[in-house]
Amino acid sequence: MNKSSLYVRAVIISTITALLIFGINMTIQYGAHFLFETGRRSLFSKSSLFIFIIIFLGSFSYTITGEKNRKRLT
């Protein structure tokens, strides 16, 4: 496996992971908003975008290091 396909796969995995966690977070916040009239009203605020980027970068680096370690072991 060459380096570019490793990064492409890491970007795809990181995007899916970040979207899943982001979606669960938004569902919880909107559920709380509709049930208890509290929580956030705007879907795309600056803090939610920041959380999405943090999750994406963490998942990306985790995937890259995991692939490199797996290559070293085999």
Protein backbone atom coordinates (compact mmCIF):
# COMPACT_ATOMS: atom_id res chain seq x y z
CA MET A 1 0.00 0.00 0.00
CA ASN A 2 1.43 3.35 -0.98
CA LYS A 3 1.40 6.47 1.14
CA SER A 4 -1.36 8.34 -0.71
CA SER A 5 -3.91 5.54 -0.35
CA LEU A 6 -3.08 5.36 3.36
CA TYR A 7 -3.90 9.06 3.75
CA VAL A 8 -7.04 8.79 1.62
CA ARG A 9 -8.27 5.90 3.76
CA ALA A 10 -7.43 7.80 6.93
CA VAL A 11 -9.38 10.84 5.70
CA ILE A 12 -12.42 8.69 4.88
CA ILE A 13 -12.33 6.87 8.23
CA SER A 14 -11.82 10.13 10.13
CA THR A 15 -14.68 11.86 8.31
CA ILE A 16 -17.07 8.99 9.04
CA THR A 17 -16.01 8.88 12.70
CA ALA A 18 -16.32 12.64 13.14
CA LEU A 19 -19.73 12.72 11.43
CA LEU A 20 -21.01 9.89 13.62
CA ILE A 21 -19.88 11.53 16.86
CA PHE A 22 -21.05 14.94 15.62
CA GLY A 23 -24.45 13.50 14.70
CA ILE A 24 -24.86 11.82 18.07
CA ASN A 25 -23.91 15.09 19.77
CA MET A 26 -26.41 17.09 17.71
CA THR A 27 -29.16 14.51 18.31
CA ILE A 28 -28.63 14.70 22.07
CA GLN A 29 -28.62 18.51 22.02
CA TYR A 30 -31.73 18.79 19.86
CA GLY A 31 -33.50 16.11 21.87
CA ALA A 32 -32.78 18.07 25.03
CA HIS A 33 -33.92 21.25 23.32
CA PHE A 34 -37.25 19.81 22.21
CA LEU A 35 -37.91 17.93 25.45
CA PHE A 36 -36.83 20.48 28.04
CA GLU A 37 -36.75 23.74 26.02
CA THR A 38 -33.03 24.08 26.75
CA GLY A 39 -29.92 23.50 24.70
CA ARG A 40 -28.61 24.92 21.48
CA ARG A 41 -30.83 26.25 18.72
CA SER A 42 -28.35 26.78 15.88
CA LEU A 43 -27.06 23.63 14.18
CA PHE A 44 -23.74 24.99 12.87
CA SER A 45 -22.20 27.27 15.44
CA LYS A 46 -18.50 27.96 15.80
CA SER A 47 -18.10 25.65 18.78
CA SER A 48 -19.72 22.69 17.00
CA LEU A 49 -17.44 23.22 14.00
CA PHE A 50 -14.45 23.36 16.37
CA ILE A 51 -15.53 20.09 18.02
CA PHE A 52 -15.90 18.48 14.57
CA ILE A 53 -12.37 19.55 13.56
CA ILE A 54 -10.86 18.30 16.84
CA ILE A 55 -12.54 14.89 16.46
CA PHE A 56 -11.47 14.70 12.80
CA LEU A 57 -7.81 15.48 13.55
CA GLY A 58 -7.67 13.06 16.47
CA SER A 59 -9.20 10.24 14.44
CA PHE A 60 -6.90 11.02 11.49
CA SER A 61 -3.71 10.85 13.56
CA TYR A 62 -4.96 7.72 15.36
CA THR A 63 -5.63 5.99 12.02
CA ILE A 64 -2.23 6.95 10.56
CA THR A 65 -0.27 5.76 13.59
CA GLY A 66 -2.33 2.56 13.74
CA GLU A 67 -1.61 1.77 10.10
CA LYS A 68 2.12 2.48 10.55
CA ASN A 69 2.30 0.25 13.63
CA ARG A 70 0.43 -2.54 11.86
CA LYS A 71 2.87 -2.33 8.95
CA ARG A 72 5.81 -2.55 11.31
CA LEU A 73 4.42 -5.64 13.05
CA THR A 74 3.74 -7.62 9.87
